[in-house]
Amino acid sequence: MLVDKARIKIVSGKGGNGAVTFRREPFVPEGGPDGGDGGKGGDVIIRANRNLTTLMDFKYKKKFKAEDGQDGMRKKCFGKDGEDLIIEVPVGTMVTDEETGLLMADLTSDGQSVVAAKGGKGGKGNVHYKSSVRQAPDFAEAGDFAKERYVILELKMIADVGLVGFPNVGKSSILSVSTNARPKIDNYHFTTLEPNLGVVEISDTEFLMADIAGIIEGAHKGLGLGLDFLKHIERTRVLIHVVDVSGSEGRDPREDFDKIMKELEEYSPKMLKKPMIVCANKMDLVPEGSDIYEDFRKYVTEKGYDIYPVVAPTRKGVSELLYAALAKLNEVRENEQDEYEDVQWFDFDRDDVDKNYRVVNVEKKGDMFILSGTQLHKIFNSTNFNDTTSLRYLYKYIEKSGAIKKMKEMGLKEGDTVSIYDYEMEYIEEF
């Protein structure tokens, strides 16, 4: 079963905390600080793999977490970095941040990857805080927090040639006689409920062909499974428009042709700019002496399209159709440029992206003032509340953020209680 959309939660690794340790060796009675730095948390990386064709793996597993960085150790030993988590997806997968709706990456080639959530940096050990006036710092830096977000994975299949047309016109039959694919074939509408892929081997080369499941009128509005089908046509380089030229189901081939073209245009005007050839299938069912094919041929050629008569089950005309498709494909390959090469995907983990990172939020509940904030939380975790220097640093950060001024505007006075992540302290005017 083709699963082409999934929503998952990704969590990077937390940075390890810096260590607070001191040298303890024989004959070194007053050893200085020797706390090592914490290790970096692992990144969450999403990578395209050409051997995958579906997002089925994400139907049941919804959460993915990278390894945390190890805390720093004594003797200036660094903590081990957390291992990166690599999530593999099919080529053609788009990665979108759910909260903002912005595209993080469009993975269009094998091995292409994006760091979807960066691991937290490791905190510095107390050895970094030694100075001429502070010989024994009793505090260290906490590691950065893990980053977590929900991302939407959406697969838009990439194929060289795509077969399009109404249901039951013979697209699956053409795919089956042209490639190694074995799609389900039967004489009723919507036998094919998902795109099928196959490799065409011709003229010492090969290309990937996709049978895009049948489109109906109103598909661009989501009728039937229209949007699910149409999005897989976006990435095909060449289209083969398959039409039942015999009118065996009481339909007119010209009307069928125009209706499909309209659906493609309504979904995206770019669709009609793709190279296209027309396959007049089911020629064996055209009544003897009928002008139906000749009329349709003139109609299509006047619109600028080449047409090839085919009887899929007997392979009659199939070879000519495939050579024509290959010729169109070669023209595209010679002229096409990588439309993604100049795109700079948005870095969601830049410091300036999280505009609230340094903001200290102030809330008043009764006589208590409650402070919160991302960077405040990190500094709070780094604070040794038994060390005056460490406490002073926390206070100065809160003051510089403007939170003291804001609390005074809300009625803060000496002796009031200030709460920071369940730690309560009494406000003193002069610290």
Protein backbone atom coordinates (compact mmCIF):
# COMPACT_ATOMS: atom_id res chain seq x y z
CA MET A 1 0.00 0.00 0.00
CA LEU A 2 1.32 3.43 -0.93
CA VAL A 3 1.44 5.75 2.07
CA ASP A 4 2.41 9.18 0.75
CA LYS A 5 1.81 11.43 3.75
CA ALA A 6 2.79 11.19 7.41
CA ARG A 7 3.05 13.38 10.50
CA ILE A 8 5.85 12.64 12.94
CA LYS A 9 7.42 14.20 16.02
CA ILE A 10 11.18 14.61 16.00
CA VAL A 11 13.32 15.41 19.05
CA SER A 12 17.03 16.16 18.90
CA GLY A 13 19.46 15.24 21.64
CA LYS A 14 19.95 17.50 24.66
CA GLY A 15 23.43 18.91 25.20
CA GLY A 16 25.35 17.42 28.11
CA ASN A 17 25.92 19.59 31.20
CA GLY A 18 29.33 20.95 32.03
CA ALA A 19 30.93 19.34 35.10
CA VAL A 20 31.68 21.00 38.43
CA THR A 21 34.73 19.13 39.72
CA PHE A 22 38.08 19.94 41.32
CA ARG A 23 41.45 18.27 41.23
CA ARG A 24 41.84 15.76 44.03
CA GLU A 25 45.35 14.36 43.92
CA PRO A 26 47.94 13.47 46.51
CA PHE A 27 50.16 16.38 47.45
CA VAL A 28 47.88 18.85 45.64
CA PRO A 29 45.87 20.19 48.57
CA GLU A 30 44.27 23.08 46.71
CA GLY A 31 43.66 21.72 43.24
CA GLY A 32 41.78 24.01 40.89
CA PRO A 33 38.66 23.34 38.82
CA ASP A 34 38.90 20.56 36.24
CA GLY A 35 35.28 20.04 35.11
CA GLY A 36 35.01 19.07 31.44
CA ASP A 37 32.47 20.23 28.85
CA GLY A 38 29.30 18.34 28.07
CA GLY A 39 28.89 16.60 24.72
CA LYS A 40 26.69 17.91 21.90
CA GLY A 41 23.26 16.33 21.50
CA GLY A 42 22.60 14.31 18.35
CA ASP A 43 20.91 15.88 15.32
CA VAL A 44 17.78 14.49 13.68
CA ILE A 45 18.58 14.10 9.98
CA ILE A 46 16.04 13.20 7.30
CA ARG A 47 17.69 11.59 4.26
CA ALA A 48 16.36 10.43 0.88
CA ASN A 49 16.85 6.78 -0.05
CA ARG A 50 16.11 5.61 -3.60
CA ASN A 51 15.34 2.08 -2.35
CA LEU A 52 12.23 3.30 -0.51
CA THR A 53 8.94 3.94 -2.30
CA THR A 54 6.46 4.65 0.50
CA LEU A 55 6.10 6.35 3.88
CA MET A 56 4.61 3.17 5.36
CA ASP A 57 7.28 3.05 8.10
CA PHE A 58 5.75 6.17 9.65
CA LYS A 59 2.20 4.87 9.80
CA TYR A 60 2.69 3.38 13.26
CA LYS A 61 5.93 4.85 14.61
CA LYS A 62 5.33 8.55 15.16
CA LYS A 63 8.15 9.75 17.44
CA PHE A 64 11.87 9.82 16.72
CA LYS A 65 14.52 11.00 19.18
CA ALA A 66 18.28 11.45 18.82
CA GLU A 67 20.73 10.59 21.58
CA ASP A 68 21.53 13.11 24.34
CA GLY A 69 25.07 14.38 24.83
CA GLN A 70 26.95 12.99 27.82
CA ASP A 71 27.72 15.25 30.81
CA GLY A 72 31.25 16.50 31.23
CA MET A 73 33.60 14.65 33.60
CA ARG A 74 36.47 15.35 35.95
CA LYS A 75 40.05 15.87 34.76
CA LYS A 76 38.76 18.12 31.94
CA CYS A 77 37.29 15.12 30.14
CA PHE A 78 34.62 16.04 27.59
CA GLY A 79 31.31 14.20 27.54
CA LYS A 80 30.62 12.06 24.49
CA ASP A 81 28.53 13.63 21.71
CA GLY A 82 25.10 12.11 21.21
CA GLU A 83 24.68 9.98 18.11
CA ASP A 84 22.77 11.54 15.23
CA LEU A 85 19.45 9.94 14.27
CA ILE A 86 19.03 9.41 10.52
CA ILE A 87 15.46 8.97 9.27
CA GLU A 88 15.32 7.59 5.74
CA VAL A 89 12.48 8.53 3.37
CA PRO A 90 11.79 7.94 -0.34
CA VAL A 91 13.27 10.25 -2.96
CA GLY A 92 10.67 12.93 -3.69
CA THR A 93 9.70 13.54 -0.06
CA MET A 94 8.92 17.08 1.05
CA VAL A 95 9.60 17.97 4.69
CA THR A 96 7.40 20.72 6.13
CA ASP A 97 7.39 22.27 9.60
CA GLU A 98 3.84 21.84 10.89
CA GLU A 99 3.79 24.91 13.14
CA THR A 100 4.86 27.45 10.52
CA GLY A 101 3.84 25.60 7.37
CA LEU A 102 7.23 26.43 5.85
CA LEU A 103 9.07 23.96 3.65
CA MET A 104 12.24 22.70 5.32
CA ALA A 105 13.50 20.61 2.40
CA ASP A 106 12.46 18.90 -0.80
CA LEU A 107 14.54 15.73 -1.08
CA THR A 108 14.70 15.10 -4.81
CA SER A 109 17.87 13.01 -5.15
CA ASP A 110 19.28 9.91 -3.52
CA GLY A 111 21.35 10.74 -0.43
CA GLN A 112 20.11 14.33 -0.16
CA SER A 113 19.45 15.18 3.47
CA VAL A 114 18.35 17.94 5.84
CA VAL A 115 19.06 18.50 9.52
CA ALA A 116 15.48 18.77 10.72
CA ALA A 117 16.35 19.34 14.39
CA LYS A 118 19.81 20.30 15.62
CA GLY A 119 21.14 18.79 18.81
CA GLY A 120 21.76 21.06 21.80
CA LYS A 121 25.27 22.34 22.41
CA GLY A 122 27.17 20.93 25.34
CA GLY A 123 27.61 23.14 28.41
CA LYS A 124 31.01 24.41 29.53
CA GLY A 125 32.65 22.88 32.58
CA ASN A 126 33.71 24.97 35.57
CA VAL A 127 37.30 25.02 34.33
CA HIS A 128 36.21 27.80 31.92
CA TYR A 129 35.03 30.07 34.75
CA LYS A 130 38.29 30.27 36.66
CA SER A 131 39.78 33.77 36.87
CA SER A 132 42.23 35.75 38.96
CA VAL A 133 39.44 36.70 41.36
CA ARG A 134 37.48 33.44 41.17
CA GLN A 135 39.85 30.57 41.82
CA ALA A 136 37.26 27.91 42.61
CA PRO A 137 34.07 28.41 40.55
CA ASP A 138 31.41 26.16 41.99
CA PHE A 139 29.15 26.26 38.94
CA ALA A 140 29.12 25.23 35.27
CA GLU A 141 26.99 25.76 32.19
CA ALA A 142 24.01 23.54 31.50
CA GLY A 143 23.69 21.94 28.08
CA ASP A 144 21.32 23.43 25.52
CA PHE A 145 17.82 22.00 25.36
CA ALA A 146 16.74 19.47 22.79
CA LYS A 147 14.73 20.87 19.89
CA GLU A 148 11.46 19.21 19.08
CA ARG A 149 8.91 19.80 16.39
CA TYR A 150 6.22 18.08 14.37
CA VAL A 151 7.01 17.70 10.68
CA ILE A 152 4.82 16.67 7.77
CA LEU A 153 6.36 14.23 5.30
CA GLU A 154 4.71 14.22 1.89
CA LEU A 155 5.82 12.04 -0.99
CA LYS A 156 5.44 13.27 -4.54
CA MET A 157 6.61 10.44 -6.72
CA ILE A 158 9.40 11.18 -9.18
CA ALA A 159 9.16 9.43 -12.56
CA ASP A 160 10.58 10.12 -16.00
CA VAL A 161 7.35 9.33 -17.84
CA GLY A 162 3.82 9.36 -16.46
CA LEU A 163 0.72 7.71 -17.91
CA VAL A 164 -2.40 9.81 -17.44
CA GLY A 165 -5.99 9.43 -18.54
CA PHE A 166 -9.48 8.41 -17.45
CA PRO A 167 -10.02 5.16 -15.53
CA ASN A 168 -10.12 1.95 -17.59
CA VAL A 169 -8.41 3.34 -20.69
CA GLY A 170 -5.55 0.83 -20.47
CA LYS A 171 -2.77 2.65 -18.58
CA SER A 172 -1.98 -0.37 -16.39
CA SER A 173 -1.90 -2.65 -19.42
CA ILE A 174 0.61 -0.37 -21.15
CA LEU A 175 2.77 -0.28 -18.01
CA SER A 176 2.68 -4.07 -17.69
CA VAL A 177 3.80 -4.73 -21.29
CA SER A 178 6.42 -1.98 -21.19
CA THR A 179 8.12 -2.67 -17.87
CA ASN A 180 8.76 -5.23 -15.16
CA ALA A 181 5.82 -3.90 -13.15
CA ARG A 182 2.83 -6.13 -12.52
CA PRO A 183 -0.09 -3.83 -11.73
CA LYS A 184 -3.56 -5.14 -11.07
CA ILE A 185 -5.57 -5.17 -14.32
CA ASP A 186 -9.32 -5.65 -14.61
CA ASN A 187 -12.23 -4.32 -16.62
CA TYR A 188 -13.72 -1.91 -14.10
CA HIS A 189 -13.01 1.65 -13.04
CA PHE A 190 -10.43 2.39 -10.34
CA THR A 191 -8.74 -1.00 -10.52
CA THR A 192 -5.62 1.06 -9.80
CA LEU A 193 -5.94 2.95 -6.52
CA GLU A 194 -2.34 4.15 -6.25
CA PRO A 195 0.53 4.99 -8.62
CA ASN A 196 2.52 2.03 -9.93
CA LEU A 197 6.12 2.28 -11.06
CA GLY A 198 8.12 0.25 -13.56
CA VAL A 199 11.45 0.48 -15.37
CA VAL A 200 11.39 0.65 -19.19
CA GLU A 201 14.50 -0.86 -20.83
CA ILE A 202 14.89 0.34 -24.39
CA SER A 203 17.73 1.23 -26.77
CA ASP A 204 20.49 0.40 -24.25
CA THR A 205 18.99 2.79 -21.75
CA GLU A 206 16.19 2.82 -19.21
CA PHE A 207 13.70 5.20 -17.68
CA LEU A 208 11.14 5.11 -14.90
CA MET A 209 7.47 5.02 -15.92
CA ALA A 210 4.53 5.65 -13.58
CA ASP A 211 0.90 4.66 -14.03
CA ILE A 212 -0.94 7.54 -12.37
CA ALA A 213 -4.27 6.22 -11.17
CA GLY A 214 -7.37 7.31 -13.09
CA ILE A 215 -8.44 10.94 -12.99
CA ILE A 216 -12.08 11.98 -13.13
CA GLU A 217 -13.86 15.27 -13.74
CA GLY A 218 -13.50 17.52 -10.70
CA ALA A 219 -10.28 15.82 -9.63
CA HIS A 220 -8.58 19.21 -9.16
CA LYS A 221 -11.24 19.98 -6.55
CA GLY A 222 -10.52 16.75 -4.71
CA LEU A 223 -13.35 14.69 -6.17
CA GLY A 224 -12.71 10.97 -6.06
CA LEU A 225 -9.05 10.61 -5.16
CA GLY A 226 -8.15 13.47 -7.47
CA LEU A 227 -5.66 15.42 -5.38
CA ASP A 228 -3.99 12.22 -4.22
CA PHE A 229 -3.48 11.26 -7.88
CA LEU A 230 -2.66 14.63 -9.42
CA LYS A 231 0.18 15.54 -7.08
CA HIS A 232 2.20 12.58 -8.35
CA ILE A 233 2.14 14.01 -11.88
CA GLU A 234 3.96 17.18 -10.82
CA ARG A 235 7.39 15.54 -10.87
CA THR A 236 7.13 13.57 -14.11
CA ARG A 237 9.22 14.89 -16.98
CA VAL A 238 7.10 13.59 -19.87
CA LEU A 239 3.39 12.71 -20.00
CA ILE A 240 1.73 10.02 -22.11
CA HIS A 241 -1.96 10.85 -22.36
CA VAL A 242 -3.78 7.54 -22.83
CA VAL A 243 -7.20 7.70 -24.48
CA ASP A 244 -9.66 4.91 -25.27
CA VAL A 245 -9.99 5.76 -28.95
CA SER A 246 -12.64 3.09 -29.55
CA GLY A 247 -15.21 4.81 -27.36
CA SER A 248 -16.03 1.34 -26.06
CA GLU A 249 -17.74 2.73 -22.97
CA GLY A 250 -19.90 5.18 -24.89
CA ARG A 251 -17.54 8.13 -24.43
CA ASP A 252 -16.14 10.38 -27.10
CA PRO A 253 -12.30 10.30 -27.23
CA ARG A 254 -12.07 14.02 -28.00
CA GLU A 255 -14.20 14.89 -25.00
CA ASP A 256 -12.13 12.57 -22.81
CA PHE A 257 -8.94 14.21 -24.04
CA ASP A 258 -10.21 17.74 -23.35
CA LYS A 259 -11.58 16.86 -19.91
CA ILE A 260 -8.27 15.41 -18.73
CA MET A 261 -6.37 18.40 -20.13
CA LYS A 262 -8.72 20.73 -18.25
CA GLU A 263 -8.19 18.84 -14.98
CA LEU A 264 -4.42 19.09 -15.38
CA GLU A 265 -4.63 22.81 -16.12
CA GLU A 266 -7.01 23.51 -13.22
CA TYR A 267 -4.68 21.69 -10.83
CA SER A 268 -1.61 23.57 -12.06
CA PRO A 269 -1.06 25.49 -15.33
CA LYS A 270 2.50 24.12 -15.32
CA MET A 271 1.12 20.68 -16.15
CA LEU A 272 0.32 21.64 -19.75
CA LYS A 273 3.88 22.89 -20.26
CA LYS A 274 5.23 19.38 -19.82
CA PRO A 275 6.14 17.50 -23.01
CA MET A 276 3.22 15.23 -23.89
CA ILE A 277 2.41 12.57 -26.47
CA VAL A 278 -0.96 10.93 -27.02
CA CYS A 279 -1.58 7.19 -26.96
CA ALA A 280 -4.71 6.10 -28.86
CA ASN A 281 -5.27 2.79 -27.08
CA LYS A 282 -7.76 -0.03 -27.80
CA MET A 283 -7.39 0.25 -31.56
CA ASP A 284 -8.52 -3.37 -31.86
CA LEU A 285 -11.98 -2.31 -30.64
CA VAL A 286 -12.44 0.41 -33.26
CA PRO A 287 -15.26 -0.69 -35.62
CA GLU A 288 -14.04 -1.64 -39.09
CA GLY A 289 -14.51 1.18 -41.56
CA SER A 290 -14.97 3.77 -38.78
CA ASP A 291 -13.38 7.22 -39.04
CA ILE A 292 -13.21 7.61 -35.26
CA TYR A 293 -9.41 7.24 -35.06
CA GLU A 294 -8.72 9.47 -38.06
CA ASP A 295 -10.99 12.19 -36.68
CA PHE A 296 -9.28 11.98 -33.28
CA ARG A 297 -5.80 11.97 -34.87
CA LYS A 298 -6.56 15.19 -36.76
CA TYR A 299 -8.04 16.77 -33.63
CA VAL A 300 -4.94 16.01 -31.53
CA THR A 301 -2.33 16.89 -34.15
CA GLU A 302 -3.98 20.25 -34.75
CA LYS A 303 -3.33 20.96 -31.06
CA GLY A 304 0.35 20.21 -31.60
CA TYR A 305 0.60 16.71 -30.10
CA ASP A 306 2.02 13.55 -31.67
CA ILE A 307 -0.26 10.52 -31.51
CA TYR A 308 0.50 6.79 -31.58
CA PRO A 309 -2.11 4.03 -32.11
CA VAL A 310 -1.69 1.12 -29.69
CA VAL A 311 -3.19 -2.27 -28.84
CA ALA A 312 -1.68 -2.86 -25.41
CA PRO A 313 -2.47 -6.57 -24.83
CA THR A 314 -0.73 -7.57 -28.11
CA ARG A 315 2.01 -4.92 -27.73
CA LYS A 316 1.09 -3.52 -31.15
CA GLY A 317 2.43 0.04 -31.39
CA VAL A 318 3.93 -0.05 -27.89
CA SER A 319 7.53 0.01 -29.10
CA GLU A 320 6.90 3.09 -31.26
CA LEU A 321 5.19 4.79 -28.30
CA LEU A 322 8.14 4.10 -25.98
CA TYR A 323 10.73 5.33 -28.48
CA ALA A 324 8.73 8.54 -28.87
CA ALA A 325 8.60 8.95 -25.09
CA LEU A 326 12.37 8.35 -24.86
CA ALA A 327 13.03 10.99 -27.53
CA LYS A 328 10.97 13.54 -25.57
CA LEU A 329 12.70 12.52 -22.36
CA ASN A 330 16.16 12.99 -23.87
CA GLU A 331 15.18 16.49 -25.01
CA VAL A 332 14.06 17.32 -21.48
CA ARG A 333 17.22 15.92 -19.91
CA GLU A 334 19.41 18.00 -22.22
CA ASN A 335 17.62 21.24 -21.43
CA GLU A 336 16.51 20.87 -17.86
CA GLN A 337 18.25 22.54 -14.93
CA ASP A 338 17.99 21.50 -11.35
CA GLU A 339 15.14 23.69 -10.18
CA TYR A 340 16.19 23.17 -6.59
CA GLU A 341 19.90 24.01 -6.84
CA ASP A 342 19.50 27.72 -6.03
CA VAL A 343 16.90 27.28 -3.30
CA GLN A 344 18.12 28.04 0.20
CA TRP A 345 15.95 26.06 2.55
CA PHE A 346 14.93 27.85 5.73
CA ASP A 347 17.15 27.06 8.72
CA PHE A 348 14.70 26.62 11.56
CA ASP A 349 17.46 26.36 14.17
CA ARG A 350 19.24 29.65 13.61
CA ASP A 351 19.51 31.80 16.73
CA ASP A 352 17.49 34.58 15.12
CA VAL A 353 14.63 32.26 14.17
CA ASP A 354 13.50 31.75 17.76
CA LYS A 355 12.84 35.41 18.44
CA ASN A 356 11.57 34.60 21.92
CA TYR A 357 14.72 32.69 22.93
CA ARG A 358 16.08 35.52 25.11
CA VAL A 359 12.73 36.92 26.20
CA VAL A 360 11.91 36.63 29.90
CA ASN A 361 8.17 36.33 30.44
CA VAL A 362 6.60 37.80 33.57
CA GLU A 363 3.34 36.61 35.11
CA LYS A 364 1.75 37.66 38.39
CA LYS A 365 -0.35 35.28 40.45
CA GLY A 366 -1.54 36.82 43.69
CA ASP A 367 1.53 38.21 45.46
CA MET A 368 3.95 36.01 43.47
CA PHE A 369 5.83 36.98 40.32
CA ILE A 370 6.59 34.06 37.98
CA LEU A 371 9.42 34.24 35.44
CA SER A 372 9.95 31.96 32.45
CA GLY A 373 11.89 31.89 29.19
CA THR A 374 14.04 29.57 27.08
CA GLN A 375 17.44 31.11 27.80
CA LEU A 376 16.39 31.88 31.37
CA HIS A 377 15.66 28.17 31.84
CA LYS A 378 19.16 27.28 30.64
CA ILE A 379 20.84 29.83 32.92
CA PHE A 380 18.64 28.67 35.79
CA ASN A 381 19.84 25.10 35.23
CA SER A 382 23.44 26.36 35.28
CA THR A 383 23.04 28.23 38.57
CA ASN A 384 24.50 27.00 41.86
CA PHE A 385 22.19 28.55 44.43
CA ASN A 386 24.81 28.06 47.13
CA ASP A 387 27.30 30.20 45.22
CA THR A 388 26.97 33.99 45.43
CA THR A 389 28.75 34.62 42.12
CA SER A 390 26.47 32.22 40.28
CA LEU A 391 23.36 33.77 41.83
CA ARG A 392 24.58 37.26 40.93
CA TYR A 393 24.95 36.22 37.28
CA LEU A 394 21.35 34.96 37.24
CA TYR A 395 20.13 38.21 38.77
CA LYS A 396 22.05 40.36 36.31
CA TYR A 397 20.62 38.39 33.38
CA ILE A 398 17.07 38.92 34.66
CA GLU A 399 17.76 42.60 35.19
CA LYS A 400 19.27 43.13 31.70
CA SER A 401 16.29 41.38 30.11
CA GLY A 402 14.01 44.11 31.47
CA ALA A 403 12.08 41.69 33.66
CA ILE A 404 12.89 43.61 36.91
CA LYS A 405 11.55 46.82 35.39
CA LYS A 406 8.46 45.01 34.15
CA MET A 407 7.79 43.46 37.58
CA LYS A 408 8.14 46.85 39.26
CA GLU A 409 5.56 48.26 36.87
CA MET A 410 3.31 45.40 37.99
CA GLY A 411 3.84 46.35 41.66
CA LEU A 412 7.00 44.47 42.71
CA LYS A 413 8.47 45.64 46.00
CA GLU A 414 11.20 44.45 48.35
CA GLY A 415 10.26 41.27 50.17
CA ASP A 416 7.94 39.97 47.43
CA THR A 417 8.37 36.41 46.17
CA VAL A 418 9.82 35.74 42.71
CA SER A 419 9.43 32.21 41.32
CA ILE A 420 11.69 30.74 38.62
CA TYR A 421 10.84 27.17 37.66
CA ASP A 422 9.61 26.13 41.13
CA TYR A 423 12.50 27.90 42.86
CA GLU A 424 11.22 30.74 45.06
CA MET A 425 13.34 33.65 46.24
CA GLU A 426 12.72 36.86 48.08
CA TYR A 427 13.28 40.01 46.07
CA ILE A 428 15.94 42.29 47.56
CA GLU A 429 16.28 45.80 46.13
CA GLU A 430 20.08 45.81 46.20
CA PHE A 431 21.57 42.41 45.42
